[in-house]
Amino acid sequence: MRKIVLCNMQAVGMHLYGCRSLDLMGLYMANFEENMHDQFAVSVFDGTQKVAYPKRDSVRVLYGILNTTYPKSDVYLRATDVASVH
């Protein structure tokens, strides 16, 4: 199984899952999410816990990568920048 690591992908919604930000240089797994309202739904996981969503402008690209490589590869996102949360 291959491991694909993507950088410079922005994530949102961390506050919905208890954390205010992702760990800098942390490695998070991207995976499909079942959602009847959004056929391109993707979530960001830390282990088995959902921690965020990719920003909307990145979702279709990420969905395409997951769709062509899954289940042959694990797709990870690396947090490379921290945005302040107010």
PDB file of N, CA and C in Angstrom:
ATOM      1  N   MET A   1       0.831  -1.171   0.000  1.00  0.00           N
ATOM      2  CA  MET A   1       0.000   0.000   0.000  1.00  0.00           C
ATOM      3  C   MET A   1       0.887   1.250   0.000  1.00  0.00           C
ATOM      4  N   ARG A   2       0.529   2.214  -0.822  1.00  0.00           N
ATOM      5  CA  ARG A   2       1.282   3.461  -0.912  1.00  0.00           C
ATOM      6  C   ARG A   2       0.730   4.490   0.066  1.00  0.00           C
ATOM      7  N   LYS A   3       1.578   5.419   0.440  1.00  0.00           N
ATOM      8  CA  LYS A   3       1.170   6.544   1.274  1.00  0.00           C
ATOM      9  C   LYS A   3       1.370   7.817   0.463  1.00  0.00           C
ATOM     10  N   ILE A   4       0.308   8.587   0.288  1.00  0.00           N
ATOM     11  CA  ILE A   4       0.371   9.850  -0.431  1.00  0.00           C
ATOM     12  C   ILE A   4       0.204  10.965   0.599  1.00  0.00           C
ATOM     13  N   VAL A   5       1.155  11.904   0.637  1.00  0.00           N
ATOM     14  CA  VAL A   5       1.093  13.009   1.590  1.00  0.00           C
ATOM     15  C   VAL A   5       0.919  14.308   0.811  1.00  0.00           C
ATOM     16  N   LEU A   6      -0.143  15.040   1.112  1.00  0.00           N
ATOM     17  CA  LEU A   6      -0.437  16.314   0.463  1.00  0.00           C
ATOM     18  C   LEU A   6      -0.210  17.452   1.448  1.00  0.00           C
ATOM     19  N   CYS A   7       0.442  18.499   0.983  1.00  0.00           N
ATOM     20  CA  CYS A   7       0.665  19.687   1.809  1.00  0.00           C
ATOM     21  C   CYS A   7      -0.111  20.854   1.194  1.00  0.00           C
ATOM     22  N   ASN A   8      -0.193  21.942   1.920  1.00  0.00           N
ATOM     23  CA  ASN A   8      -0.854  23.167   1.455  1.00  0.00           C
ATOM     24  C   ASN A   8      -2.334  22.975   1.177  1.00  0.00           C
ATOM     25  N   MET A   9      -2.975  22.097   1.888  1.00  0.00           N
ATOM     26  CA  MET A   9      -4.408  21.889   1.789  1.00  0.00           C
ATOM     27  C   MET A   9      -5.010  22.497   3.049  1.00  0.00           C
ATOM     28  N   GLN A  10      -5.905  23.455   2.907  1.00  0.00           N
ATOM     29  CA  GLN A  10      -6.470  24.123   4.068  1.00  0.00           C
ATOM     30  C   GLN A  10      -7.647  23.341   4.638  1.00  0.00           C
ATOM     31  N   ALA A  11      -7.735  23.339   5.961  1.00  0.00           N
ATOM     32  CA  ALA A  11      -8.815  22.638   6.655  1.00  0.00           C
ATOM     33  C   ALA A  11      -9.635  23.636   7.461  1.00  0.00           C
ATOM     34  N   VAL A  12     -10.915  23.319   7.632  1.00  0.00           N
ATOM     35  CA  VAL A  12     -11.835  24.169   8.395  1.00  0.00           C
ATOM     36  C   VAL A  12     -12.666  23.295   9.328  1.00  0.00           C
ATOM     37  N   GLY A  13     -13.351  23.923  10.260  1.00  0.00           N
ATOM     38  CA  GLY A  13     -14.290  23.212  11.120  1.00  0.00           C
ATOM     39  C   GLY A  13     -13.681  22.498  12.300  1.00  0.00           C
ATOM     40  N   MET A  14     -12.431  22.815  12.639  1.00  0.00           N
ATOM     41  CA  MET A  14     -11.802  22.129  13.759  1.00  0.00           C
ATOM     42  C   MET A  14     -12.568  22.352  15.063  1.00  0.00           C
ATOM     43  N   HIS A  15     -13.139  23.543  15.212  1.00  0.00           N
ATOM     44  CA  HIS A  15     -13.854  23.860  16.454  1.00  0.00           C
ATOM     45  C   HIS A  15     -15.086  22.974  16.664  1.00  0.00           C
ATOM     46  N   LEU A  16     -15.592  22.380  15.609  1.00  0.00           N
ATOM     47  CA  LEU A  16     -16.741  21.484  15.731  1.00  0.00           C
ATOM     48  C   LEU A  16     -16.385  20.173  16.422  1.00  0.00           C
ATOM     49  N   TYR A  17     -15.111  19.830  16.441  1.00  0.00           N
ATOM     50  CA  TYR A  17     -14.668  18.542  16.970  1.00  0.00           C
ATOM     51  C   TYR A  17     -13.757  18.678  18.186  1.00  0.00           C
ATOM     52  N   GLY A  18     -13.771  19.845  18.838  1.00  0.00           N
ATOM     53  CA  GLY A  18     -13.066  19.997  20.103  1.00  0.00           C
ATOM     54  C   GLY A  18     -11.680  20.602  20.026  1.00  0.00           C
ATOM     55  N   CYS A  19     -11.047  20.584  18.869  1.00  0.00           N
ATOM     56  CA  CYS A  19      -9.722  21.196  18.786  1.00  0.00           C
ATOM     57  C   CYS A  19      -9.846  22.528  18.057  1.00  0.00           C
ATOM     58  N   ARG A  20      -9.022  23.492  18.423  1.00  0.00           N
ATOM     59  CA  ARG A  20      -9.078  24.815  17.800  1.00  0.00           C
ATOM     60  C   ARG A  20      -8.143  24.917  16.600  1.00  0.00           C
ATOM     61  N   SER A  21      -7.201  23.998  16.503  1.00  0.00           N
ATOM     62  CA  SER A  21      -6.277  24.000  15.370  1.00  0.00           C
ATOM     63  C   SER A  21      -5.684  22.602  15.229  1.00  0.00           C
ATOM     64  N   LEU A  22      -5.031  22.371  14.105  1.00  0.00           N
ATOM     65  CA  LEU A  22      -4.331  21.111  13.887  1.00  0.00           C
ATOM     66  C   LEU A  22      -2.873  21.289  14.286  1.00  0.00           C
ATOM     67  N   ASP A  23      -2.231  20.225  14.724  1.00  0.00           N
ATOM     68  CA  ASP A  23      -0.823  20.294  15.117  1.00  0.00           C
ATOM     69  C   ASP A  23       0.050  20.605  13.910  1.00  0.00           C
ATOM     70  N   LEU A  24       0.938  21.570  14.093  1.00  0.00           N
ATOM     71  CA  LEU A  24       1.859  21.946  13.028  1.00  0.00           C
ATOM     72  C   LEU A  24       2.730  20.749  12.670  1.00  0.00           C
ATOM     73  N   MET A  25       2.822  20.446  11.402  1.00  0.00           N
ATOM     74  CA  MET A  25       3.546  19.302  10.842  1.00  0.00           C
ATOM     75  C   MET A  25       2.913  17.961  11.219  1.00  0.00           C
ATOM     76  N   GLY A  26       1.706  17.987  11.769  1.00  0.00           N
ATOM     77  CA  GLY A  26       0.997  16.750  12.074  1.00  0.00           C
ATOM     78  C   GLY A  26       0.546  16.064  10.794  1.00  0.00           C
ATOM     79  N   LEU A  27       0.326  14.785  10.858  1.00  0.00           N
ATOM     80  CA  LEU A  27      -0.091  14.000   9.706  1.00  0.00           C
ATOM     81  C   LEU A  27      -1.519  13.525   9.946  1.00  0.00           C
ATOM     82  N   TYR A  28      -2.436  13.893   9.053  1.00  0.00           N
ATOM     83  CA  TYR A  28      -3.853  13.586   9.194  1.00  0.00           C
ATOM     84  C   TYR A  28      -4.330  12.835   7.962  1.00  0.00           C
ATOM     85  N   MET A  29      -5.225  11.874   8.168  1.00  0.00           N
ATOM     86  CA  MET A  29      -5.728  11.075   7.061  1.00  0.00           C
ATOM     87  C   MET A  29      -6.986  11.707   6.470  1.00  0.00           C
ATOM     88  N   ALA A  30      -7.071  11.700   5.157  1.00  0.00           N
ATOM     89  CA  ALA A  30      -8.262  12.166   4.453  1.00  0.00           C
ATOM     90  C   ALA A  30      -9.051  10.944   3.994  1.00  0.00           C
ATOM     91  N   ASN A  31     -10.365  11.020   4.125  1.00  0.00           N
ATOM     92  CA  ASN A  31     -11.194   9.893   3.711  1.00  0.00           C
ATOM     93  C   ASN A  31     -12.585  10.370   3.324  1.00  0.00           C
ATOM     94  N   PHE A  32     -13.282   9.542   2.572  1.00  0.00           N
ATOM     95  CA  PHE A  32     -14.649   9.851   2.164  1.00  0.00           C
ATOM     96  C   PHE A  32     -15.558   9.944   3.387  1.00  0.00           C
ATOM     97  N   GLU A  33     -16.618  10.736   3.249  1.00  0.00           N
ATOM     98  CA  GLU A  33     -17.634  10.824   4.282  1.00  0.00           C
ATOM     99  C   GLU A  33     -18.985  10.573   3.622  1.00  0.00           C
ATOM    100  N   GLU A  34     -19.809   9.766   4.259  1.00  0.00           N
ATOM    101  CA  GLU A  34     -21.152   9.543   3.736  1.00  0.00           C
ATOM    102  C   GLU A  34     -21.995  10.775   4.023  1.00  0.00           C
ATOM    103  N   ASN A  35     -22.507  11.394   2.968  1.00  0.00           N
ATOM    104  CA  ASN A  35     -23.307  12.598   3.107  1.00  0.00           C
ATOM    105  C   ASN A  35     -24.267  12.666   1.925  1.00  0.00           C
ATOM    106  N   MET A  36     -25.547  12.533   2.197  1.00  0.00           N
ATOM    107  CA  MET A  36     -26.524  12.504   1.101  1.00  0.00           C
ATOM    108  C   MET A  36     -26.718  13.873   0.452  1.00  0.00           C
ATOM    109  N   HIS A  37     -26.220  14.945   1.080  1.00  0.00           N
ATOM    110  CA  HIS A  37     -26.367  16.289   0.527  1.00  0.00           C
ATOM    111  C   HIS A  37     -25.152  16.746  -0.261  1.00  0.00           C
ATOM    112  N   ASP A  38     -24.039  16.037  -0.127  1.00  0.00           N
ATOM    113  CA  ASP A  38     -22.794  16.432  -0.795  1.00  0.00           C
ATOM    114  C   ASP A  38     -22.072  15.190  -1.290  1.00  0.00           C
ATOM    115  N   GLN A  39     -22.099  14.980  -2.593  1.00  0.00           N
ATOM    116  CA  GLN A  39     -21.492  13.768  -3.156  1.00  0.00           C
ATOM    117  C   GLN A  39     -19.972  13.794  -3.092  1.00  0.00           C
ATOM    118  N   PHE A  40     -19.366  14.969  -2.862  1.00  0.00           N
ATOM    119  CA  PHE A  40     -17.914  15.087  -2.795  1.00  0.00           C
ATOM    120  C   PHE A  40     -17.411  15.219  -1.358  1.00  0.00           C
ATOM    121  N   ALA A  41     -18.187  14.779  -0.385  1.00  0.00           N
ATOM    122  CA  ALA A  41     -17.837  14.970   1.028  1.00  0.00           C
ATOM    123  C   ALA A  41     -16.573  14.197   1.405  1.00  0.00           C
ATOM    124  N   VAL A  42     -15.633  14.926   2.004  1.00  0.00           N
ATOM    125  CA  VAL A  42     -14.374  14.364   2.482  1.00  0.00           C
ATOM    126  C   VAL A  42     -14.138  14.910   3.885  1.00  0.00           C
ATOM    127  N   SER A  43     -13.611  14.085   4.771  1.00  0.00           N
ATOM    128  CA  SER A  43     -13.296  14.510   6.136  1.00  0.00           C
ATOM    129  C   SER A  43     -11.819  14.290   6.421  1.00  0.00           C
ATOM    130  N   VAL A  44     -11.328  14.989   7.441  1.00  0.00           N
ATOM    131  CA  VAL A  44      -9.946  14.872   7.889  1.00  0.00           C
ATOM    132  C   VAL A  44      -9.966  14.169   9.247  1.00  0.00           C
ATOM    133  N   PHE A  45      -9.177  13.114   9.377  1.00  0.00           N
ATOM    134  CA  PHE A  45      -9.163  12.292  10.588  1.00  0.00           C
ATOM    135  C   PHE A  45      -7.794  12.295  11.242  1.00  0.00           C
ATOM    136  N   ASP A  46      -7.803  12.243  12.570  1.00  0.00           N
ATOM    137  CA  ASP A  46      -6.607  11.993  13.361  1.00  0.00           C
ATOM    138  C   ASP A  46      -6.816  10.616  13.978  1.00  0.00           C
ATOM    139  N   GLY A  47      -6.246   9.601  13.369  1.00  0.00           N
ATOM    140  CA  GLY A  47      -6.559   8.221  13.757  1.00  0.00           C
ATOM    141  C   GLY A  47      -7.970   7.888  13.313  1.00  0.00           C
ATOM    142  N   THR A  48      -8.846   7.585  14.263  1.00  0.00           N
ATOM    143  CA  THR A  48     -10.240   7.272  13.921  1.00  0.00           C
ATOM    144  C   THR A  48     -11.182   8.429  14.234  1.00  0.00           C
ATOM    145  N   GLN A  49     -10.650   9.521  14.792  1.00  0.00           N
ATOM    146  CA  GLN A  49     -11.480  10.655  15.193  1.00  0.00           C
ATOM    147  C   GLN A  49     -11.488  11.727  14.109  1.00  0.00           C
ATOM    148  N   LYS A  50     -12.692  12.138  13.708  1.00  0.00           N
ATOM    149  CA  LYS A  50     -12.829  13.218  12.736  1.00  0.00           C
ATOM    150  C   LYS A  50     -12.440  14.524  13.413  1.00  0.00           C
ATOM    151  N   VAL A  51     -11.566  15.312  12.765  1.00  0.00           N
ATOM    152  CA  VAL A  51     -11.098  16.548  13.373  1.00  0.00           C
ATOM    153  C   VAL A  51     -11.361  17.791  12.523  1.00  0.00           C
ATOM    154  N   ALA A  52     -11.666  17.633  11.237  1.00  0.00           N
ATOM    155  CA  ALA A  52     -11.851  18.806  10.383  1.00  0.00           C
ATOM    156  C   ALA A  52     -12.422  18.380   9.025  1.00  0.00           C
ATOM    157  N   TYR A  53     -12.623  19.390   8.197  1.00  0.00           N
ATOM    158  CA  TYR A  53     -13.004  19.202   6.797  1.00  0.00           C
ATOM    159  C   TYR A  53     -12.024  19.985   5.926  1.00  0.00           C
ATOM    160  N   PRO A  54     -11.748  19.515   4.710  1.00  0.00           N
ATOM    161  CA  PRO A  54     -10.935  20.333   3.800  1.00  0.00           C
ATOM    162  C   PRO A  54     -11.747  21.559   3.384  1.00  0.00           C
ATOM    163  N   LYS A  55     -11.058  22.657   3.134  1.00  0.00           N
ATOM    164  CA  LYS A  55     -11.728  23.860   2.668  1.00  0.00           C
ATOM    165  C   LYS A  55     -12.404  23.576   1.330  1.00  0.00           C
ATOM    166  N   ARG A  56     -13.553  24.178   1.109  1.00  0.00           N
ATOM    167  CA  ARG A  56     -14.402  23.844  -0.037  1.00  0.00           C
ATOM    168  C   ARG A  56     -13.681  23.919  -1.386  1.00  0.00           C
ATOM    169  N   ASP A  57     -12.781  24.882  -1.569  1.00  0.00           N
ATOM    170  CA  ASP A  57     -12.103  24.990  -2.865  1.00  0.00           C
ATOM    171  C   ASP A  57     -11.108  23.863  -3.125  1.00  0.00           C
ATOM    172  N   SER A  58     -10.787  23.071  -2.096  1.00  0.00           N
ATOM    173  CA  SER A  58      -9.860  21.952  -2.253  1.00  0.00           C
ATOM    174  C   SER A  58     -10.549  20.597  -2.302  1.00  0.00           C
ATOM    175  N   VAL A  59     -11.837  20.571  -1.993  1.00  0.00           N
ATOM    176  CA  VAL A  59     -12.542  19.292  -1.827  1.00  0.00           C
ATOM    177  C   VAL A  59     -12.588  18.480  -3.117  1.00  0.00           C
ATOM    178  N   ARG A  60     -12.905  19.099  -4.243  1.00  0.00           N
ATOM    179  CA  ARG A  60     -13.021  18.333  -5.494  1.00  0.00           C
ATOM    180  C   ARG A  60     -11.689  17.724  -5.921  1.00  0.00           C
ATOM    181  N   VAL A  61     -10.603  18.456  -5.723  1.00  0.00           N
ATOM    182  CA  VAL A  61      -9.277  17.921  -6.055  1.00  0.00           C
ATOM    183  C   VAL A  61      -8.963  16.743  -5.141  1.00  0.00           C
ATOM    184  N   LEU A  62      -9.190  16.918  -3.846  1.00  0.00           N
ATOM    185  CA  LEU A  62      -8.927  15.857  -2.883  1.00  0.00           C
ATOM    186  C   LEU A  62      -9.819  14.648  -3.138  1.00  0.00           C
ATOM    187  N   TYR A  63     -11.083  14.890  -3.458  1.00  0.00           N
ATOM    188  CA  TYR A  63     -12.008  13.802  -3.772  1.00  0.00           C
ATOM    189  C   TYR A  63     -11.516  13.025  -4.999  1.00  0.00           C
ATOM    190  N   GLY A  64     -11.034  13.742  -6.003  1.00  0.00           N
ATOM    191  CA  GLY A  64     -10.512  13.085  -7.197  1.00  0.00           C
ATOM    192  C   GLY A  64      -9.308  12.211  -6.895  1.00  0.00           C
ATOM    193  N   ILE A  65      -8.415  12.693  -6.044  1.00  0.00           N
ATOM    194  CA  ILE A  65      -7.245  11.897  -5.653  1.00  0.00           C
ATOM    195  C   ILE A  65      -7.681  10.656  -4.890  1.00  0.00           C
ATOM    196  N   LEU A  66      -8.597  10.825  -3.932  1.00  0.00           N
ATOM    197  CA  LEU A  66      -9.096   9.677  -3.176  1.00  0.00           C
ATOM    198  C   LEU A  66      -9.800   8.678  -4.088  1.00  0.00           C
ATOM    199  N   ASN A  67     -10.576   9.185  -5.014  1.00  0.00           N
ATOM    200  CA  ASN A  67     -11.370   8.331  -5.897  1.00  0.00           C
ATOM    201  C   ASN A  67     -10.497   7.503  -6.833  1.00  0.00           C
ATOM    202  N   THR A  68      -9.356   8.035  -7.257  1.00  0.00           N
ATOM    203  CA  THR A  68      -8.498   7.292  -8.190  1.00  0.00           C
ATOM    204  C   THR A  68      -7.493   6.387  -7.475  1.00  0.00           C
ATOM    205  N   THR A  69      -7.159   6.678  -6.216  1.00  0.00           N
ATOM    206  CA  THR A  69      -6.149   5.887  -5.523  1.00  0.00           C
ATOM    207  C   THR A  69      -6.723   4.939  -4.480  1.00  0.00           C
ATOM    208  N   TYR A  70      -7.905   5.213  -3.961  1.00  0.00           N
ATOM    209  CA  TYR A  70      -8.506   4.412  -2.886  1.00  0.00           C
ATOM    210  C   TYR A  70      -8.971   3.082  -3.442  1.00  0.00           C
ATOM    211  N   PRO A  71      -8.802   1.938  -2.860  1.00  0.00           N
ATOM    212  CA  PRO A  71      -8.176   1.640  -1.581  1.00  0.00           C
ATOM    213  C   PRO A  71      -6.703   1.253  -1.705  1.00  0.00           C
ATOM    214  N   LYS A  72      -6.076   1.543  -2.847  1.00  0.00           N
ATOM    215  CA  LYS A  72      -4.685   1.142  -3.047  1.00  0.00           C
ATOM    216  C   LYS A  72      -3.706   2.009  -2.254  1.00  0.00           C
ATOM    217  N   SER A  73      -4.152   3.200  -1.831  1.00  0.00           N
ATOM    218  CA  SER A  73      -3.257   4.129  -1.150  1.00  0.00           C
ATOM    219  C   SER A  73      -3.960   4.802   0.014  1.00  0.00           C
ATOM    220  N   ASP A  74      -3.189   5.175   1.010  1.00  0.00           N
ATOM    221  CA  ASP A  74      -3.681   6.031   2.075  1.00  0.00           C
ATOM    222  C   ASP A  74      -3.296   7.463   1.727  1.00  0.00           C
ATOM    223  N   VAL A  75      -4.243   8.388   1.831  1.00  0.00           N
ATOM    224  CA  VAL A  75      -3.980   9.785   1.518  1.00  0.00           C
ATOM    225  C   VAL A  75      -3.937  10.565   2.821  1.00  0.00           C
ATOM    226  N   TYR A  76      -2.819  11.252   3.054  1.00  0.00           N
ATOM    227  CA  TYR A  76      -2.610  12.020   4.277  1.00  0.00           C
ATOM    228  C   TYR A  76      -2.455  13.494   3.949  1.00  0.00           C
ATOM    229  N   LEU A  77      -2.822  14.325   4.904  1.00  0.00           N
ATOM    230  CA  LEU A  77      -2.616  15.759   4.807  1.00  0.00           C
ATOM    231  C   LEU A  77      -1.631  16.160   5.896  1.00  0.00           C
ATOM    232  N   ARG A  78      -0.684  17.016   5.561  1.00  0.00           N
ATOM    233  CA  ARG A  78       0.287  17.492   6.551  1.00  0.00           C
ATOM    234  C   ARG A  78      -0.003  18.961   6.824  1.00  0.00           C
ATOM    235  N   ALA A  79      -0.195  19.286   8.102  1.00  0.00           N
ATOM    236  CA  ALA A  79      -0.421  20.673   8.507  1.00  0.00           C
ATOM    237  C   ALA A  79       0.904  21.423   8.444  1.00  0.00           C
ATOM    238  N   THR A  80       0.987  22.426   7.576  1.00  0.00           N
ATOM    239  CA  THR A  80       2.245  23.155   7.398  1.00  0.00           C
ATOM    240  C   THR A  80       2.144  24.613   7.808  1.00  0.00           C
ATOM    241  N   ASP A  81       0.948  25.077   8.146  1.00  0.00           N
ATOM    242  CA  ASP A  81       0.768  26.456   8.538  1.00  0.00           C
ATOM    243  C   ASP A  81      -0.355  26.510   9.564  1.00  0.00           C
ATOM    244  N   VAL A  82      -0.299  27.468  10.443  1.00  0.00           N
ATOM    245  CA  VAL A  82      -1.324  27.596  11.472  1.00  0.00           C
ATOM    246  C   VAL A  82      -2.031  28.930  11.291  1.00  0.00           C
ATOM    247  N   ALA A  83      -3.347  28.880  11.240  1.00  0.00           N
ATOM    248  CA  ALA A  83      -4.149  30.090  11.170  1.00  0.00           C
ATOM    249  C   ALA A  83      -4.719  30.362  12.549  1.00  0.00           C
ATOM    250  N   SER A  84      -4.813  31.624  12.895  1.00  0.00           N
ATOM    251  CA  SER A  84      -5.370  31.945  14.209  1.00  0.00           C
ATOM    252  C   SER A  84      -6.891  31.818  14.162  1.00  0.00           C
ATOM    253  N   VAL A  85      -7.451  31.350  15.259  1.00  0.00           N
ATOM    254  CA  VAL A  85      -8.898  31.178  15.368  1.00  0.00           C
ATOM    255  C   VAL A  85      -9.402  32.167  16.391  1.00  0.00           C
ATOM    256  N   HIS A  86     -10.396  32.953  16.013  1.00  0.00           N
ATOM    257  CA  HIS A  86     -10.938  33.979  16.925  1.00  0.00           C
ATOM    258  C   HIS A  86     -12.261  33.522  17.514  1.00  0.00           C
TER     259      HIS A  86
END
